[in-house]
Amino acid sequence: MDRPIVVVDADKNQCEKLCALLRQENYRAVELHSLLSLKKILQETSCRVVIMDLDSLPVDNRFIKEFRRQNPGLPVMVLSSRSFHPELEQVMSKHICACLRKPPDPEELLYCIKSFCENEHDSSGRQRGEGSEIAK
């Protein structure tokens, strides 16, 4: 079974809508509503992409740096209603793979997801996260 795309959004309605869109495109999507639940699920399983809502979660430079240190090959995409995030200036270009405006354009979102999923293999041909148990 494919590794999931994890969507983290404190707004349950927005999270459900985004996951429904991903499922319509045959992606396995997991809904989470806190950064703590994200940390817990990543200890148990590997995933393809993490999508975080910056408007509803307490995300800062320290969190992103630590998250990427613990999950170096995992693409992180963020969503926000704001176009500028001075509090994330240090990590925006280095640790965040894509930042999309809310509500996300479905075509743009799916293009990014498809791009990340197509690049899941490292230079040795192994799948990123290979050997990790997959949550069912």
N, C-alpha and C. Protein backbone atom coordinates (compact mmCIF):
# COMPACT_ATOMS: atom_id res chain seq x y z
N MET A 1 0.84 -1.18 0.00
CA MET A 1 0.00 0.00 0.00
C MET A 1 0.89 1.25 0.00
N ASP A 2 0.45 2.26 -0.71
CA ASP A 2 1.22 3.50 -0.80
C ASP A 2 1.33 4.18 0.56
N ARG A 3 2.47 4.84 0.73
CA ARG A 3 2.64 5.66 1.93
C ARG A 3 1.71 6.86 1.82
N PRO A 4 1.18 7.34 2.93
CA PRO A 4 0.20 8.41 2.87
C PRO A 4 0.81 9.80 2.70
N ILE A 5 -0.05 10.70 2.28
CA ILE A 5 0.23 12.13 2.34
C ILE A 5 -0.45 12.59 3.62
N VAL A 6 0.30 13.25 4.48
CA VAL A 6 -0.24 13.68 5.77
C VAL A 6 -0.59 15.16 5.68
N VAL A 7 -1.84 15.46 6.01
CA VAL A 7 -2.33 16.84 6.01
C VAL A 7 -2.56 17.24 7.47
N VAL A 8 -1.88 18.31 7.89
CA VAL A 8 -1.98 18.77 9.28
C VAL A 8 -2.62 20.16 9.27
N ASP A 9 -3.83 20.22 9.81
CA ASP A 9 -4.58 21.47 9.83
C ASP A 9 -5.48 21.44 11.06
N ALA A 10 -5.40 22.44 11.91
CA ALA A 10 -6.23 22.48 13.11
C ALA A 10 -7.70 22.69 12.76
N ASP A 11 -7.97 23.22 11.58
CA ASP A 11 -9.35 23.40 11.10
C ASP A 11 -9.80 22.08 10.46
N LYS A 12 -10.61 21.32 11.18
CA LYS A 12 -11.00 19.99 10.72
C LYS A 12 -11.73 20.01 9.39
N ASN A 13 -12.56 21.02 9.16
CA ASN A 13 -13.30 21.12 7.91
C ASN A 13 -12.35 21.30 6.72
N GLN A 14 -11.40 22.23 6.85
CA GLN A 14 -10.42 22.44 5.78
C GLN A 14 -9.59 21.19 5.53
N CYS A 15 -9.21 20.53 6.61
CA CYS A 15 -8.40 19.32 6.52
C CYS A 15 -9.16 18.22 5.76
N GLU A 16 -10.43 18.05 6.10
CA GLU A 16 -11.26 17.04 5.43
C GLU A 16 -11.38 17.33 3.94
N LYS A 17 -11.59 18.61 3.58
CA LYS A 17 -11.73 18.98 2.17
C LYS A 17 -10.46 18.68 1.39
N LEU A 18 -9.33 19.03 1.96
CA LEU A 18 -8.06 18.79 1.28
C LEU A 18 -7.80 17.29 1.12
N CYS A 19 -8.07 16.53 2.15
CA CYS A 19 -7.88 15.08 2.07
C CYS A 19 -8.84 14.46 1.06
N ALA A 20 -10.06 14.97 0.99
CA ALA A 20 -11.03 14.46 0.01
C ALA A 20 -10.52 14.70 -1.41
N LEU A 21 -9.94 15.87 -1.65
CA LEU A 21 -9.36 16.16 -2.97
C LEU A 21 -8.25 15.17 -3.30
N LEU A 22 -7.37 14.93 -2.36
CA LEU A 22 -6.26 13.99 -2.58
C LEU A 22 -6.78 12.58 -2.82
N ARG A 23 -7.80 12.18 -2.08
CA ARG A 23 -8.36 10.83 -2.25
C ARG A 23 -9.04 10.67 -3.60
N GLN A 24 -9.66 11.75 -4.11
CA GLN A 24 -10.27 11.70 -5.44
C GLN A 24 -9.23 11.40 -6.50
N GLU A 25 -8.01 11.80 -6.24
CA GLU A 25 -6.91 11.56 -7.18
C GLU A 25 -6.14 10.29 -6.84
N ASN A 26 -6.74 9.46 -5.99
CA ASN A 26 -6.19 8.15 -5.61
C ASN A 26 -4.92 8.22 -4.77
N TYR A 27 -4.76 9.31 -4.03
CA TYR A 27 -3.68 9.38 -3.05
C TYR A 27 -4.25 8.94 -1.71
N ARG A 28 -3.44 8.31 -0.93
CA ARG A 28 -3.83 7.96 0.43
C ARG A 28 -3.53 9.17 1.30
N ALA A 29 -4.54 9.70 1.97
CA ALA A 29 -4.39 10.92 2.77
C ALA A 29 -4.77 10.65 4.21
N VAL A 30 -3.99 11.21 5.12
CA VAL A 30 -4.24 11.08 6.56
C VAL A 30 -4.48 12.47 7.12
N GLU A 31 -5.58 12.62 7.85
CA GLU A 31 -5.93 13.89 8.48
C GLU A 31 -5.37 13.95 9.89
N LEU A 32 -4.64 15.03 10.18
CA LEU A 32 -4.16 15.28 11.54
C LEU A 32 -4.51 16.72 11.90
N HIS A 33 -4.61 16.99 13.21
CA HIS A 33 -5.04 18.32 13.62
C HIS A 33 -4.10 19.01 14.59
N SER A 34 -2.91 18.44 14.78
CA SER A 34 -1.93 19.09 15.66
C SER A 34 -0.52 18.65 15.27
N LEU A 35 0.45 19.45 15.66
CA LEU A 35 1.85 19.11 15.39
C LEU A 35 2.29 17.93 16.25
N LEU A 36 1.72 17.79 17.43
CA LEU A 36 2.03 16.65 18.28
C LEU A 36 1.60 15.34 17.61
N SER A 37 0.41 15.34 17.02
CA SER A 37 -0.05 14.13 16.32
C SER A 37 0.82 13.84 15.11
N LEU A 38 1.35 14.87 14.47
CA LEU A 38 2.27 14.67 13.35
C LEU A 38 3.54 13.98 13.82
N LYS A 39 4.11 14.48 14.91
CA LYS A 39 5.33 13.85 15.45
C LYS A 39 5.09 12.39 15.79
N LYS A 40 3.93 12.10 16.39
CA LYS A 40 3.62 10.72 16.78
C LYS A 40 3.49 9.80 15.58
N ILE A 41 2.77 10.24 14.55
CA ILE A 41 2.56 9.36 13.40
C ILE A 41 3.87 9.11 12.66
N LEU A 42 4.76 10.09 12.63
CA LEU A 42 6.03 9.90 11.92
C LEU A 42 6.99 9.00 12.68
N GLN A 43 6.74 8.78 13.96
CA GLN A 43 7.53 7.80 14.71
C GLN A 43 7.09 6.38 14.36
N GLU A 44 5.85 6.24 13.88
CA GLU A 44 5.28 4.93 13.59
C GLU A 44 5.33 4.55 12.12
N THR A 45 5.39 5.51 11.24
CA THR A 45 5.27 5.23 9.82
C THR A 45 6.05 6.25 9.00
N SER A 46 6.23 5.95 7.73
CA SER A 46 6.81 6.94 6.82
C SER A 46 5.68 7.46 5.94
N CYS A 47 5.87 8.63 5.40
CA CYS A 47 4.85 9.18 4.52
C CYS A 47 5.51 9.81 3.31
N ARG A 48 4.71 10.16 2.33
CA ARG A 48 5.22 10.71 1.08
C ARG A 48 5.50 12.20 1.17
N VAL A 49 4.54 12.93 1.73
CA VAL A 49 4.58 14.39 1.79
C VAL A 49 3.83 14.81 3.06
N VAL A 50 4.26 15.92 3.66
CA VAL A 50 3.51 16.53 4.75
C VAL A 50 3.04 17.89 4.27
N ILE A 51 1.75 18.15 4.45
CA ILE A 51 1.16 19.44 4.13
C ILE A 51 0.71 20.06 5.44
N MET A 52 1.23 21.25 5.76
CA MET A 52 0.88 21.94 7.01
C MET A 52 0.20 23.27 6.71
N ASP A 53 -0.82 23.58 7.49
CA ASP A 53 -1.50 24.87 7.39
C ASP A 53 -0.84 25.84 8.37
N LEU A 54 -0.17 26.83 7.84
CA LEU A 54 0.53 27.80 8.69
C LEU A 54 -0.41 28.71 9.47
N ASP A 55 -1.64 28.88 8.97
CA ASP A 55 -2.59 29.77 9.65
C ASP A 55 -3.17 29.16 10.91
N SER A 56 -3.20 27.84 10.98
CA SER A 56 -3.87 27.19 12.11
C SER A 56 -2.93 26.46 13.06
N LEU A 57 -1.66 26.41 12.74
CA LEU A 57 -0.69 25.66 13.55
C LEU A 57 0.42 26.57 14.06
N PRO A 58 0.96 26.31 15.25
CA PRO A 58 2.05 27.13 15.79
C PRO A 58 3.41 26.74 15.22
N VAL A 59 3.59 26.99 13.93
CA VAL A 59 4.83 26.62 13.24
C VAL A 59 5.79 27.80 13.27
N ASP A 60 7.04 27.54 13.67
CA ASP A 60 8.07 28.57 13.66
C ASP A 60 9.37 27.99 13.10
N ASN A 61 10.40 28.83 13.00
CA ASN A 61 11.69 28.38 12.47
C ASN A 61 12.22 27.17 13.21
N ARG A 62 12.17 27.21 14.51
CA ARG A 62 12.71 26.13 15.33
C ARG A 62 12.00 24.80 15.03
N PHE A 63 10.67 24.85 14.96
CA PHE A 63 9.92 23.63 14.68
C PHE A 63 10.30 23.05 13.31
N ILE A 64 10.33 23.91 12.29
CA ILE A 64 10.64 23.42 10.93
C ILE A 64 12.06 22.86 10.87
N LYS A 65 13.03 23.54 11.46
CA LYS A 65 14.41 23.04 11.45
C LYS A 65 14.52 21.68 12.13
N GLU A 66 13.91 21.55 13.28
CA GLU A 66 13.94 20.28 14.02
C GLU A 66 13.20 19.19 13.25
N PHE A 67 12.07 19.55 12.69
CA PHE A 67 11.29 18.59 11.91
C PHE A 67 12.10 18.06 10.73
N ARG A 68 12.76 18.94 10.02
CA ARG A 68 13.55 18.54 8.85
C ARG A 68 14.79 17.75 9.27
N ARG A 69 15.36 18.08 10.42
CA ARG A 69 16.51 17.31 10.91
C ARG A 69 16.09 15.87 11.19
N GLN A 70 14.91 15.70 11.75
CA GLN A 70 14.41 14.37 12.06
C GLN A 70 13.85 13.63 10.85
N ASN A 71 13.45 14.37 9.82
CA ASN A 71 12.82 13.79 8.62
C ASN A 71 13.46 14.41 7.37
N PRO A 72 14.74 14.16 7.13
CA PRO A 72 15.47 14.90 6.10
C PRO A 72 14.98 14.71 4.67
N GLY A 73 14.45 13.58 4.32
CA GLY A 73 14.03 13.36 2.93
C GLY A 73 12.57 13.62 2.67
N LEU A 74 11.85 14.06 3.68
CA LEU A 74 10.40 14.22 3.57
C LEU A 74 10.03 15.61 3.07
N PRO A 75 9.36 15.70 1.92
CA PRO A 75 8.94 17.02 1.42
C PRO A 75 7.89 17.66 2.34
N VAL A 76 8.08 18.94 2.61
CA VAL A 76 7.15 19.70 3.43
C VAL A 76 6.54 20.79 2.56
N MET A 77 5.22 20.77 2.47
CA MET A 77 4.48 21.79 1.74
C MET A 77 3.65 22.54 2.78
N VAL A 78 3.54 23.85 2.62
CA VAL A 78 2.74 24.64 3.55
C VAL A 78 1.66 25.40 2.80
N LEU A 79 0.57 25.67 3.51
CA LEU A 79 -0.54 26.46 2.98
C LEU A 79 -0.74 27.65 3.89
N SER A 80 -1.09 28.79 3.31
CA SER A 80 -1.32 29.99 4.11
C SER A 80 -2.17 30.99 3.35
N SER A 81 -2.93 31.77 4.10
CA SER A 81 -3.70 32.86 3.49
C SER A 81 -2.82 34.10 3.32
N ARG A 82 -1.66 34.10 3.98
CA ARG A 82 -0.73 35.23 3.88
C ARG A 82 0.35 34.92 2.85
N SER A 83 0.81 35.95 2.18
CA SER A 83 1.86 35.74 1.18
C SER A 83 3.26 35.92 1.76
N PHE A 84 3.36 36.48 2.96
CA PHE A 84 4.66 36.73 3.56
C PHE A 84 4.67 36.23 5.00
N HIS A 85 5.73 35.52 5.36
CA HIS A 85 5.87 34.97 6.71
C HIS A 85 7.24 35.32 7.26
N PRO A 86 7.39 36.53 7.81
CA PRO A 86 8.71 36.93 8.32
C PRO A 86 9.22 36.00 9.42
N GLU A 87 8.31 35.39 10.17
CA GLU A 87 8.73 34.48 11.24
C GLU A 87 9.33 33.19 10.71
N LEU A 88 9.17 32.92 9.42
CA LEU A 88 9.72 31.71 8.80
C LEU A 88 10.78 32.01 7.75
N GLU A 89 11.29 33.22 7.78
CA GLU A 89 12.25 33.66 6.77
C GLU A 89 13.46 32.73 6.67
N GLN A 90 13.97 32.26 7.81
CA GLN A 90 15.17 31.42 7.81
C GLN A 90 14.95 30.06 7.16
N VAL A 91 13.74 29.54 7.21
CA VAL A 91 13.50 28.17 6.73
C VAL A 91 12.74 28.09 5.42
N MET A 92 12.15 29.19 5.00
CA MET A 92 11.25 29.15 3.84
C MET A 92 11.93 28.61 2.59
N SER A 93 13.10 29.04 2.26
CA SER A 93 13.73 28.59 1.01
C SER A 93 14.50 27.29 1.16
N LYS A 94 14.97 26.98 2.35
CA LYS A 94 15.82 25.80 2.54
C LYS A 94 15.05 24.55 2.95
N HIS A 95 14.03 24.69 3.77
CA HIS A 95 13.37 23.53 4.37
C HIS A 95 11.94 23.30 3.91
N ILE A 96 11.34 24.27 3.25
CA ILE A 96 9.96 24.12 2.79
C ILE A 96 9.98 24.01 1.27
N CYS A 97 9.39 22.93 0.77
CA CYS A 97 9.44 22.64 -0.66
C CYS A 97 8.47 23.48 -1.48
N ALA A 98 7.32 23.82 -0.90
CA ALA A 98 6.33 24.61 -1.62
C ALA A 98 5.45 25.34 -0.61
N CYS A 99 5.08 26.56 -0.97
CA CYS A 99 4.16 27.34 -0.15
C CYS A 99 3.03 27.80 -1.06
N LEU A 100 1.83 27.30 -0.80
CA LEU A 100 0.68 27.63 -1.64
C LEU A 100 -0.29 28.52 -0.89
N ARG A 101 -0.91 29.40 -1.63
CA ARG A 101 -1.90 30.33 -1.07
C ARG A 101 -3.21 29.59 -0.82
N LYS A 102 -3.87 29.91 0.29
CA LYS A 102 -5.16 29.32 0.61
C LYS A 102 -6.28 30.18 0.05
N PRO A 103 -7.35 29.57 -0.40
CA PRO A 103 -7.47 28.13 -0.60
C PRO A 103 -6.60 27.71 -1.78
N PRO A 104 -6.00 26.53 -1.68
CA PRO A 104 -5.08 26.13 -2.75
C PRO A 104 -5.82 25.84 -4.05
N ASP A 105 -5.19 26.22 -5.14
CA ASP A 105 -5.71 25.86 -6.46
C ASP A 105 -5.50 24.35 -6.61
N PRO A 106 -6.56 23.58 -6.87
CA PRO A 106 -6.42 22.12 -6.95
C PRO A 106 -5.37 21.66 -7.95
N GLU A 107 -5.32 22.31 -9.11
CA GLU A 107 -4.33 21.90 -10.12
C GLU A 107 -2.90 22.15 -9.64
N GLU A 108 -2.67 23.29 -9.01
CA GLU A 108 -1.33 23.61 -8.51
C GLU A 108 -0.94 22.65 -7.39
N LEU A 109 -1.86 22.39 -6.48
CA LEU A 109 -1.61 21.47 -5.38
C LEU A 109 -1.28 20.08 -5.91
N LEU A 110 -2.10 19.58 -6.82
CA LEU A 110 -1.88 18.23 -7.35
C LEU A 110 -0.61 18.15 -8.18
N TYR A 111 -0.25 19.23 -8.87
CA TYR A 111 1.01 19.26 -9.61
C TYR A 111 2.19 19.10 -8.65
N CYS A 112 2.15 19.84 -7.55
CA CYS A 112 3.24 19.74 -6.55
C CYS A 112 3.30 18.34 -5.96
N ILE A 113 2.15 17.79 -5.58
CA ILE A 113 2.12 16.45 -4.99
C ILE A 113 2.67 15.43 -5.98
N LYS A 114 2.22 15.51 -7.22
CA LYS A 114 2.69 14.57 -8.24
C LYS A 114 4.20 14.69 -8.41
N SER A 115 4.70 15.90 -8.42
CA SER A 115 6.13 16.13 -8.56
C SER A 115 6.91 15.50 -7.41
N PHE A 116 6.44 15.71 -6.18
CA PHE A 116 7.11 15.12 -5.02
C PHE A 116 7.08 13.60 -5.10
N CYS A 117 5.94 13.05 -5.47
CA CYS A 117 5.79 11.59 -5.51
C CYS A 117 6.63 10.96 -6.62
N GLU A 118 6.80 11.65 -7.73
CA GLU A 118 7.64 11.13 -8.82
C GLU A 118 9.11 11.14 -8.44
N ASN A 119 9.49 12.00 -7.51
CA ASN A 119 10.88 12.12 -7.10
C ASN A 119 11.16 11.39 -5.79
N GLU A 120 10.37 10.36 -5.50
CA GLU A 120 10.51 9.63 -4.24
C GLU A 120 11.72 8.73 -4.19
N HIS A 121 12.36 8.52 -5.27
CA HIS A 121 13.50 7.60 -5.29
C HIS A 121 14.80 8.37 -5.19
N ASP A 122 15.69 7.87 -4.36
CA ASP A 122 17.00 8.51 -4.24
C ASP A 122 17.90 8.04 -5.38
N SER A 123 19.11 8.51 -5.42
CA SER A 123 20.02 8.21 -6.53
C SER A 123 20.36 6.74 -6.63
N SER A 124 20.19 5.96 -5.56
CA SER A 124 20.50 4.54 -5.62
C SER A 124 19.32 3.74 -6.17
N GLY A 125 18.18 4.41 -6.41
CA GLY A 125 17.01 3.73 -6.93
C GLY A 125 16.08 3.22 -5.85
N ARG A 126 16.50 3.35 -4.60
CA ARG A 126 15.63 2.93 -3.50
C ARG A 126 14.59 3.99 -3.24
N GLN A 127 13.44 3.54 -2.80
CA GLN A 127 12.39 4.48 -2.46
C GLN A 127 12.74 5.19 -1.17
N ARG A 128 12.48 6.50 -1.12
CA ARG A 128 12.72 7.27 0.08
C ARG A 128 11.89 6.67 1.20
N GLY A 129 12.48 6.43 2.35
CA GLY A 129 11.77 5.86 3.48
C GLY A 129 11.64 4.36 3.41
N GLU A 130 12.32 3.73 2.45
CA GLU A 130 12.22 2.29 2.29
C GLU A 130 12.65 1.60 3.58
N GLY A 131 11.91 0.58 3.93
CA GLY A 131 12.23 -0.15 5.14
C GLY A 131 11.39 0.29 6.32
N SER A 132 10.69 1.39 6.20
CA SER A 132 9.83 1.85 7.28
C SER A 132 8.48 1.14 7.21
N GLU A 133 7.90 0.91 8.35
CA GLU A 133 6.58 0.29 8.39
C GLU A 133 5.55 1.31 7.95
N ILE A 134 4.55 0.87 7.23
CA ILE A 134 3.51 1.75 6.73
C ILE A 134 2.26 1.61 7.59
N ALA A 135 1.70 2.74 7.99
CA ALA A 135 0.46 2.71 8.77
C ALA A 135 -0.68 2.24 7.89
N LYS A 136 -1.52 1.42 8.43
CA LYS A 136 -2.64 0.89 7.64
C LYS A 136 -3.94 1.49 8.10
